């Protein structure tokens, strides 16, 4: 057992998506490595994987990240 255990504390009304179990949690109930969030609502947390897919697709198709000059991501 760890001598100094870090407590997982969240704010009221924060929602998380547990990627290990596929469930929505109110407050950070699971380890950080297993959750996405926080989200403002249960519905937003339930859509976490879809939101991540959409953002990844946008990033992959963003010409600013695929330039030929080697300055990717610099604005």
PDB file of N, CA and C in Angstrom:
ATOM      1  N   UNK A   1       0.839  -1.176   0.000  1.00  0.00           N
ATOM      2  CA  UNK A   1       0.000   0.000   0.000  1.00  0.00           C
ATOM      3  C   UNK A   1       0.885   1.241   0.000  1.00  0.00           C
ATOM      4  N   UNK A   2       0.494   2.214  -0.789  1.00  0.00           N
ATOM      5  CA  UNK A   2       1.263   3.444  -0.892  1.00  0.00           C
ATOM      6  C   UNK A   2       1.178   4.229   0.413  1.00  0.00           C
ATOM      7  N   UNK A   3       2.302   4.816   0.772  1.00  0.00           N
ATOM      8  CA  UNK A   3       2.349   5.600   1.987  1.00  0.00           C
ATOM      9  C   UNK A   3       1.521   6.881   1.854  1.00  0.00           C
ATOM     10  N   UNK A   4       1.663   7.528   0.705  1.00  0.00           N
ATOM     11  CA  UNK A   4       0.909   8.744   0.433  1.00  0.00           C
ATOM     12  C   UNK A   4       0.007   8.484  -0.754  1.00  0.00           C
ATOM     13  N   UNK A   5      -1.248   8.245  -0.509  1.00  0.00           N
ATOM     14  CA  UNK A   5      -2.183   7.959  -1.586  1.00  0.00           C
ATOM     15  C   UNK A   5      -2.857   9.251  -2.016  1.00  0.00           C
ATOM     16  N   UNK A   6      -2.759   9.554  -3.309  1.00  0.00           N
ATOM     17  CA  UNK A   6      -3.381  10.755  -3.844  1.00  0.00           C
ATOM     18  C   UNK A   6      -4.883  10.521  -3.960  1.00  0.00           C
ATOM     19  N   UNK A   7      -5.661  11.416  -3.394  1.00  0.00           N
ATOM     20  CA  UNK A   7      -7.111  11.301  -3.469  1.00  0.00           C
ATOM     21  C   UNK A   7      -7.584  11.814  -4.819  1.00  0.00           C
ATOM     22  N   UNK A   8      -8.584  11.157  -5.358  1.00  0.00           N
ATOM     23  CA  UNK A   8      -9.207  11.594  -6.598  1.00  0.00           C
ATOM     24  C   UNK A   8     -10.401  12.450  -6.221  1.00  0.00           C
ATOM     25  N   UNK A   9     -10.298  13.738  -6.501  1.00  0.00           N
ATOM     26  CA  UNK A   9     -11.341  14.675  -6.109  1.00  0.00           C
ATOM     27  C   UNK A   9     -11.854  15.381  -7.346  1.00  0.00           C
ATOM     28  N   UNK A  10     -13.137  15.504  -7.447  1.00  0.00           N
ATOM     29  CA  UNK A  10     -13.734  16.216  -8.564  1.00  0.00           C
ATOM     30  C   UNK A  10     -14.693  17.270  -8.066  1.00  0.00           C
ATOM     31  N   UNK A  11     -15.182  18.053  -8.997  1.00  0.00           N
ATOM     32  CA  UNK A  11     -16.162  19.080  -8.674  1.00  0.00           C
ATOM     33  C   UNK A  11     -17.562  18.521  -8.902  1.00  0.00           C
ATOM     34  N   UNK A  12     -18.530  18.972  -8.152  1.00  0.00           N
ATOM     35  CA  UNK A  12     -19.908  18.512  -8.376  1.00  0.00           C
ATOM     36  C   UNK A  12     -20.352  18.810  -9.803  1.00  0.00           C
ATOM     37  N   UNK A  13     -21.020  17.860 -10.409  1.00  0.00           N
ATOM     38  CA  UNK A  13     -21.537  18.052 -11.755  1.00  0.00           C
ATOM     39  C   UNK A  13     -20.562  17.700 -12.867  1.00  0.00           C
ATOM     40  N   UNK A  14     -19.385  17.169 -12.539  1.00  0.00           N
ATOM     41  CA  UNK A  14     -18.444  16.739 -13.568  1.00  0.00           C
ATOM     42  C   UNK A  14     -18.740  15.284 -13.937  1.00  0.00           C
ATOM     43  N   UNK A  15     -18.677  15.010 -15.218  1.00  0.00           N
ATOM     44  CA  UNK A  15     -18.962  13.676 -15.724  1.00  0.00           C
ATOM     45  C   UNK A  15     -17.749  13.164 -16.488  1.00  0.00           C
ATOM     46  N   UNK A  16     -17.510  11.874 -16.397  1.00  0.00           N
ATOM     47  CA  UNK A  16     -16.378  11.232 -17.041  1.00  0.00           C
ATOM     48  C   UNK A  16     -16.832   9.988 -17.788  1.00  0.00           C
ATOM     49  N   UNK A  17     -16.064   9.614 -18.815  1.00  0.00           N
ATOM     50  CA  UNK A  17     -16.316   8.370 -19.531  1.00  0.00           C
ATOM     51  C   UNK A  17     -15.183   7.418 -19.205  1.00  0.00           C
ATOM     52  N   UNK A  18     -15.521   6.246 -18.689  1.00  0.00           N
ATOM     53  CA  UNK A  18     -14.533   5.234 -18.349  1.00  0.00           C
ATOM     54  C   UNK A  18     -14.283   4.376 -19.588  1.00  0.00           C
ATOM     55  N   UNK A  19     -13.083   4.478 -20.167  1.00  0.00           N
ATOM     56  CA  UNK A  19     -12.775   3.752 -21.400  1.00  0.00           C
ATOM     57  C   UNK A  19     -12.588   2.263 -21.161  1.00  0.00           C
ATOM     58  N   UNK A  20     -12.326   1.863 -19.940  1.00  0.00           N
ATOM     59  CA  UNK A  20     -12.143   0.448 -19.627  1.00  0.00           C
ATOM     60  C   UNK A  20     -13.477  -0.287 -19.534  1.00  0.00           C
ATOM     61  N   UNK A  21     -14.447   0.347 -18.888  1.00  0.00           N
ATOM     62  CA  UNK A  21     -15.748  -0.300 -18.686  1.00  0.00           C
ATOM     63  C   UNK A  21     -16.803   0.166 -19.678  1.00  0.00           C
ATOM     64  N   UNK A  22     -16.552   1.322 -20.343  1.00  0.00           N
ATOM     65  CA  UNK A  22     -17.524   1.861 -21.285  1.00  0.00           C
ATOM     66  C   UNK A  22     -18.711   2.516 -20.606  1.00  0.00           C
ATOM     67  N   UNK A  23     -18.506   2.954 -19.366  1.00  0.00           N
ATOM     68  CA  UNK A  23     -19.609   3.555 -18.619  1.00  0.00           C
ATOM     69  C   UNK A  23     -19.328   5.019 -18.315  1.00  0.00           C
ATOM     70  N   UNK A  24     -20.408   5.745 -18.014  1.00  0.00           N
ATOM     71  CA  UNK A  24     -20.321   7.146 -17.610  1.00  0.00           C
ATOM     72  C   UNK A  24     -20.318   7.192 -16.091  1.00  0.00           C
ATOM     73  N   UNK A  25     -19.452   8.047 -15.537  1.00  0.00           N
ATOM     74  CA  UNK A  25     -19.334   8.173 -14.088  1.00  0.00           C
ATOM     75  C   UNK A  25     -19.520   9.626 -13.683  1.00  0.00           C
ATOM     76  N   UNK A  26     -20.212   9.845 -12.579  1.00  0.00           N
ATOM     77  CA  UNK A  26     -20.293  11.196 -12.029  1.00  0.00           C
ATOM     78  C   UNK A  26     -19.137  11.361 -11.062  1.00  0.00           C
ATOM     79  N   UNK A  27     -18.280  12.308 -11.371  1.00  0.00           N
ATOM     80  CA  UNK A  27     -17.068  12.492 -10.579  1.00  0.00           C
ATOM     81  C   UNK A  27     -16.008  11.500 -11.016  1.00  0.00           C
ATOM     82  N   UNK A  28     -14.756  11.792 -10.693  1.00  0.00           N
ATOM     83  CA  UNK A  28     -13.661  10.908 -11.098  1.00  0.00           C
ATOM     84  C   UNK A  28     -13.579   9.675 -10.201  1.00  0.00           C
ATOM     85  N   UNK A  29     -14.321   8.649 -10.541  1.00  0.00           N
ATOM     86  CA  UNK A  29     -14.369   7.438  -9.721  1.00  0.00           C
ATOM     87  C   UNK A  29     -13.268   6.454 -10.064  1.00  0.00           C
ATOM     88  N   UNK A  30     -12.767   6.496 -11.283  1.00  0.00           N
ATOM     89  CA  UNK A  30     -11.764   5.536 -11.731  1.00  0.00           C
ATOM     90  C   UNK A  30     -10.421   6.235 -11.927  1.00  0.00           C
ATOM     91  N   UNK A  31      -9.340   5.465 -12.063  1.00  0.00           N
ATOM     92  CA  UNK A  31      -8.020   6.064 -12.279  1.00  0.00           C
ATOM     93  C   UNK A  31      -7.990   6.915 -13.547  1.00  0.00           C
ATOM     94  N   UNK A  32      -7.187   7.943 -13.537  1.00  0.00           N
ATOM     95  CA  UNK A  32      -7.092   8.866 -14.655  1.00  0.00           C
ATOM     96  C   UNK A  32      -6.754   8.197 -15.966  1.00  0.00           C
ATOM     97  N   UNK A  33      -5.980   7.126 -15.939  1.00  0.00           N
ATOM     98  CA  UNK A  33      -5.603   6.437 -17.174  1.00  0.00           C
ATOM     99  C   UNK A  33      -6.800   5.768 -17.847  1.00  0.00           C
ATOM    100  N   UNK A  34      -7.891   5.600 -17.121  1.00  0.00           N
ATOM    101  CA  UNK A  34      -9.066   4.905 -17.650  1.00  0.00           C
ATOM    102  C   UNK A  34     -10.234   5.819 -17.974  1.00  0.00           C
ATOM    103  N   UNK A  35     -10.045   7.139 -17.849  1.00  0.00           N
ATOM    104  CA  UNK A  35     -11.209   8.001 -18.038  1.00  0.00           C
ATOM    105  C   UNK A  35     -10.915   9.176 -18.969  1.00  0.00           C
ATOM    106  N   UNK A  36     -11.986   9.653 -19.573  1.00  0.00           N
ATOM    107  CA  UNK A  36     -11.952  10.845 -20.408  1.00  0.00           C
ATOM    108  C   UNK A  36     -12.867  11.861 -19.743  1.00  0.00           C
ATOM    109  N   UNK A  37     -12.449  13.121 -19.757  1.00  0.00           N
ATOM    110  CA  UNK A  37     -13.283  14.148 -19.172  1.00  0.00           C
ATOM    111  C   UNK A  37     -12.452  15.123 -18.389  1.00  0.00           C
ATOM    112  N   UNK A  38     -13.082  16.034 -17.716  1.00  0.00           N
ATOM    113  CA  UNK A  38     -14.495  16.069 -17.360  1.00  0.00           C
ATOM    114  C   UNK A  38     -15.366  16.675 -18.454  1.00  0.00           C
ATOM    115  N   UNK A  39     -16.615  16.301 -18.426  1.00  0.00           N
ATOM    116  CA  UNK A  39     -17.639  16.827 -19.318  1.00  0.00           C
ATOM    117  C   UNK A  39     -18.707  17.495 -18.469  1.00  0.00           C
ATOM    118  N   UNK A  40     -19.436  18.427 -19.068  1.00  0.00           N
ATOM    119  CA  UNK A  40     -20.441  19.194 -18.339  1.00  0.00           C
ATOM    120  C   UNK A  40     -21.729  18.417 -18.090  1.00  0.00           C
ATOM    121  N   UNK A  41     -21.979  17.368 -18.887  1.00  0.00           N
ATOM    122  CA  UNK A  41     -23.230  16.618 -18.718  1.00  0.00           C
ATOM    123  C   UNK A  41     -22.992  15.129 -18.954  1.00  0.00           C
ATOM    124  N   UNK A  42     -23.939  14.351 -18.483  1.00  0.00           N
ATOM    125  CA  UNK A  42     -23.888  12.901 -18.696  1.00  0.00           C
ATOM    126  C   UNK A  42     -23.897  12.585 -20.198  1.00  0.00           C
ATOM    127  N   UNK A  43     -24.703  13.329 -20.946  1.00  0.00           N
ATOM    128  CA  UNK A  43     -24.825  13.091 -22.387  1.00  0.00           C
ATOM    129  C   UNK A  43     -23.497  13.350 -23.107  1.00  0.00           C
ATOM    130  N   UNK A  44     -22.805  14.429 -22.739  1.00  0.00           N
ATOM    131  CA  UNK A  44     -21.510  14.724 -23.347  1.00  0.00           C
ATOM    132  C   UNK A  44     -20.506  13.616 -23.033  1.00  0.00           C
ATOM    133  N   UNK A  45     -20.507  13.151 -21.797  1.00  0.00           N
ATOM    134  CA  UNK A  45     -19.590  12.075 -21.407  1.00  0.00           C
ATOM    135  C   UNK A  45     -19.895  10.796 -22.172  1.00  0.00           C
ATOM    136  N   UNK A  46     -21.175  10.510 -22.388  1.00  0.00           N
ATOM    137  CA  UNK A  46     -21.565   9.301 -23.119  1.00  0.00           C
ATOM    138  C   UNK A  46     -21.081   9.341 -24.568  1.00  0.00           C
ATOM    139  N   UNK A  47     -20.902  10.540 -25.110  1.00  0.00           N
ATOM    140  CA  UNK A  47     -20.445  10.709 -26.492  1.00  0.00           C
ATOM    141  C   UNK A  47     -18.931  10.925 -26.584  1.00  0.00           C
ATOM    142  N   UNK A  48     -18.199  10.659 -25.521  1.00  0.00           N
ATOM    143  CA  UNK A  48     -16.766  10.955 -25.470  1.00  0.00           C
ATOM    144  C   UNK A  48     -15.979  10.302 -26.599  1.00  0.00           C
ATOM    145  N   UNK A  49     -16.221   9.047 -26.883  1.00  0.00           N
ATOM    146  CA  UNK A  49     -15.465   8.370 -27.939  1.00  0.00           C
ATOM    147  C   UNK A  49     -15.789   8.941 -29.311  1.00  0.00           C
ATOM    148  N   UNK A  50     -17.055   9.242 -29.554  1.00  0.00           N
ATOM    149  CA  UNK A  50     -17.434   9.836 -30.840  1.00  0.00           C
ATOM    150  C   UNK A  50     -16.824  11.228 -30.997  1.00  0.00           C
ATOM    151  N   UNK A  51     -16.835  11.999 -29.930  1.00  0.00           N
ATOM    152  CA  UNK A  51     -16.215  13.326 -29.961  1.00  0.00           C
ATOM    153  C   UNK A  51     -14.727  13.204 -30.264  1.00  0.00           C
ATOM    154  N   UNK A  52     -14.065  12.246 -29.641  1.00  0.00           N
ATOM    155  CA  UNK A  52     -12.635  12.036 -29.893  1.00  0.00           C
ATOM    156  C   UNK A  52     -12.388  11.624 -31.344  1.00  0.00           C
ATOM    157  N   UNK A  53     -13.242  10.762 -31.892  1.00  0.00           N
ATOM    158  CA  UNK A  53     -13.108  10.353 -33.299  1.00  0.00           C
ATOM    159  C   UNK A  53     -13.248  11.556 -34.236  1.00  0.00           C
ATOM    160  N   UNK A  54     -14.238  12.395 -33.963  1.00  0.00           N
ATOM    161  CA  UNK A  54     -14.456  13.583 -34.800  1.00  0.00           C
ATOM    162  C   UNK A  54     -13.270  14.529 -34.734  1.00  0.00           C
ATOM    163  N   UNK A  55     -12.749  14.752 -33.550  1.00  0.00           N
ATOM    164  CA  UNK A  55     -11.607  15.654 -33.401  1.00  0.00           C
ATOM    165  C   UNK A  55     -10.361  15.090 -34.061  1.00  0.00           C
ATOM    166  N   UNK A  56     -10.166  13.790 -33.968  1.00  0.00           N
ATOM    167  CA  UNK A  56      -9.022  13.153 -34.622  1.00  0.00           C
ATOM    168  C   UNK A  56      -9.143  13.282 -36.134  1.00  0.00           C
ATOM    169  N   UNK A  57     -10.337  13.071 -36.665  1.00  0.00           N
ATOM    170  CA  UNK A  57     -10.562  13.200 -38.102  1.00  0.00           C
ATOM    171  C   UNK A  57     -10.294  14.626 -38.566  1.00  0.00           C
ATOM    172  N   UNK A  58     -10.773  15.604 -37.796  1.00  0.00           N
ATOM    173  CA  UNK A  58     -10.519  17.004 -38.134  1.00  0.00           C
ATOM    174  C   UNK A  58      -9.021  17.293 -38.146  1.00  0.00           C
ATOM    175  N   UNK A  59      -8.320  16.780 -37.172  1.00  0.00           N
ATOM    176  CA  UNK A  59      -6.875  16.992 -37.083  1.00  0.00           C
ATOM    177  C   UNK A  59      -6.159  16.341 -38.262  1.00  0.00           C
ATOM    178  N   UNK A  60      -6.545  15.108 -38.590  1.00  0.00           N
ATOM    179  CA  UNK A  60      -5.898  14.399 -39.696  1.00  0.00           C
ATOM    180  C   UNK A  60      -6.126  15.086 -41.034  1.00  0.00           C
ATOM    181  N   UNK A  61      -7.218  15.807 -41.175  1.00  0.00           N
ATOM    182  CA  UNK A  61      -7.539  16.483 -42.428  1.00  0.00           C
ATOM    183  C   UNK A  61      -7.205  17.973 -42.413  1.00  0.00           C
ATOM    184  N   UNK A  62      -6.570  18.437 -41.367  1.00  0.00           N
ATOM    185  CA  UNK A  62      -6.214  19.854 -41.246  1.00  0.00           C
ATOM    186  C   UNK A  62      -4.909  20.114 -41.998  1.00  0.00           C
ATOM    187  N   UNK A  63      -4.937  20.936 -43.038  1.00  0.00           N
ATOM    188  CA  UNK A  63      -3.727  21.178 -43.831  1.00  0.00           C
ATOM    189  C   UNK A  63      -2.601  21.831 -43.035  1.00  0.00           C
ATOM    190  N   UNK A  64      -2.920  22.486 -41.937  1.00  0.00           N
ATOM    191  CA  UNK A  64      -1.871  23.103 -41.121  1.00  0.00           C
ATOM    192  C   UNK A  64      -0.947  22.060 -40.498  1.00  0.00           C
ATOM    193  N   UNK A  65      -1.428  20.822 -40.352  1.00  0.00           N
ATOM    194  CA  UNK A  65      -0.620  19.764 -39.758  1.00  0.00           C
ATOM    195  C   UNK A  65       0.087  18.921 -40.816  1.00  0.00           C
ATOM    196  N   UNK A  66      -0.161  19.208 -42.077  1.00  0.00           N
ATOM    197  CA  UNK A  66       0.424  18.390 -43.148  1.00  0.00           C
ATOM    198  C   UNK A  66       1.145  19.253 -44.171  1.00  0.00           C
ATOM    199  N   UNK A  67       1.771  20.306 -43.714  1.00  0.00           N
ATOM    200  CA  UNK A  67       2.473  21.152 -44.683  1.00  0.00           C
ATOM    201  C   UNK A  67       3.823  20.536 -45.062  1.00  0.00           C
ATOM    202  N   UNK A  68       4.377  20.980 -46.155  1.00  0.00           N
ATOM    203  CA  UNK A  68       5.632  20.417 -46.666  1.00  0.00           C
ATOM    204  C   UNK A  68       6.863  21.096 -46.077  1.00  0.00           C
ATOM    205  N   UNK A  69       6.678  22.214 -45.370  1.00  0.00           N
ATOM    206  CA  UNK A  69       7.806  22.974 -44.896  1.00  0.00           C
ATOM    207  C   UNK A  69       8.379  22.503 -43.561  1.00  0.00           C
ATOM    208  N   UNK A  70       7.774  21.535 -42.937  1.00  0.00           N
ATOM    209  CA  UNK A  70       8.290  21.034 -41.666  1.00  0.00           C
ATOM    210  C   UNK A  70       7.907  21.891 -40.468  1.00  0.00           C
ATOM    211  N   UNK A  71       6.974  22.810 -40.640  1.00  0.00           N
ATOM    212  CA  UNK A  71       6.542  23.668 -39.534  1.00  0.00           C
ATOM    213  C   UNK A  71       5.168  23.254 -39.021  1.00  0.00           C
ATOM    214  N   UNK A  72       4.897  21.988 -39.005  1.00  0.00           N
ATOM    215  CA  UNK A  72       3.584  21.501 -38.601  1.00  0.00           C
ATOM    216  C   UNK A  72       3.228  21.975 -37.203  1.00  0.00           C
ATOM    217  N   UNK A  73       2.006  22.476 -37.098  1.00  0.00           N
ATOM    218  CA  UNK A  73       1.499  22.873 -35.792  1.00  0.00           C
ATOM    219  C   UNK A  73       1.930  24.256 -35.359  1.00  0.00           C
ATOM    220  N   UNK A  74       2.720  24.923 -36.132  1.00  0.00           N
ATOM    221  CA  UNK A  74       3.157  26.274 -35.776  1.00  0.00           C
ATOM    222  C   UNK A  74       2.318  27.287 -36.524  1.00  0.00           C
ATOM    223  N   UNK A  75       1.805  28.261 -35.787  1.00  0.00           N
ATOM    224  CA  UNK A  75       0.830  29.120 -36.350  1.00  0.00           C
ATOM    225  C   UNK A  75       1.228  30.383 -36.925  1.00  0.00           C
TER     226      UNK A  75
END
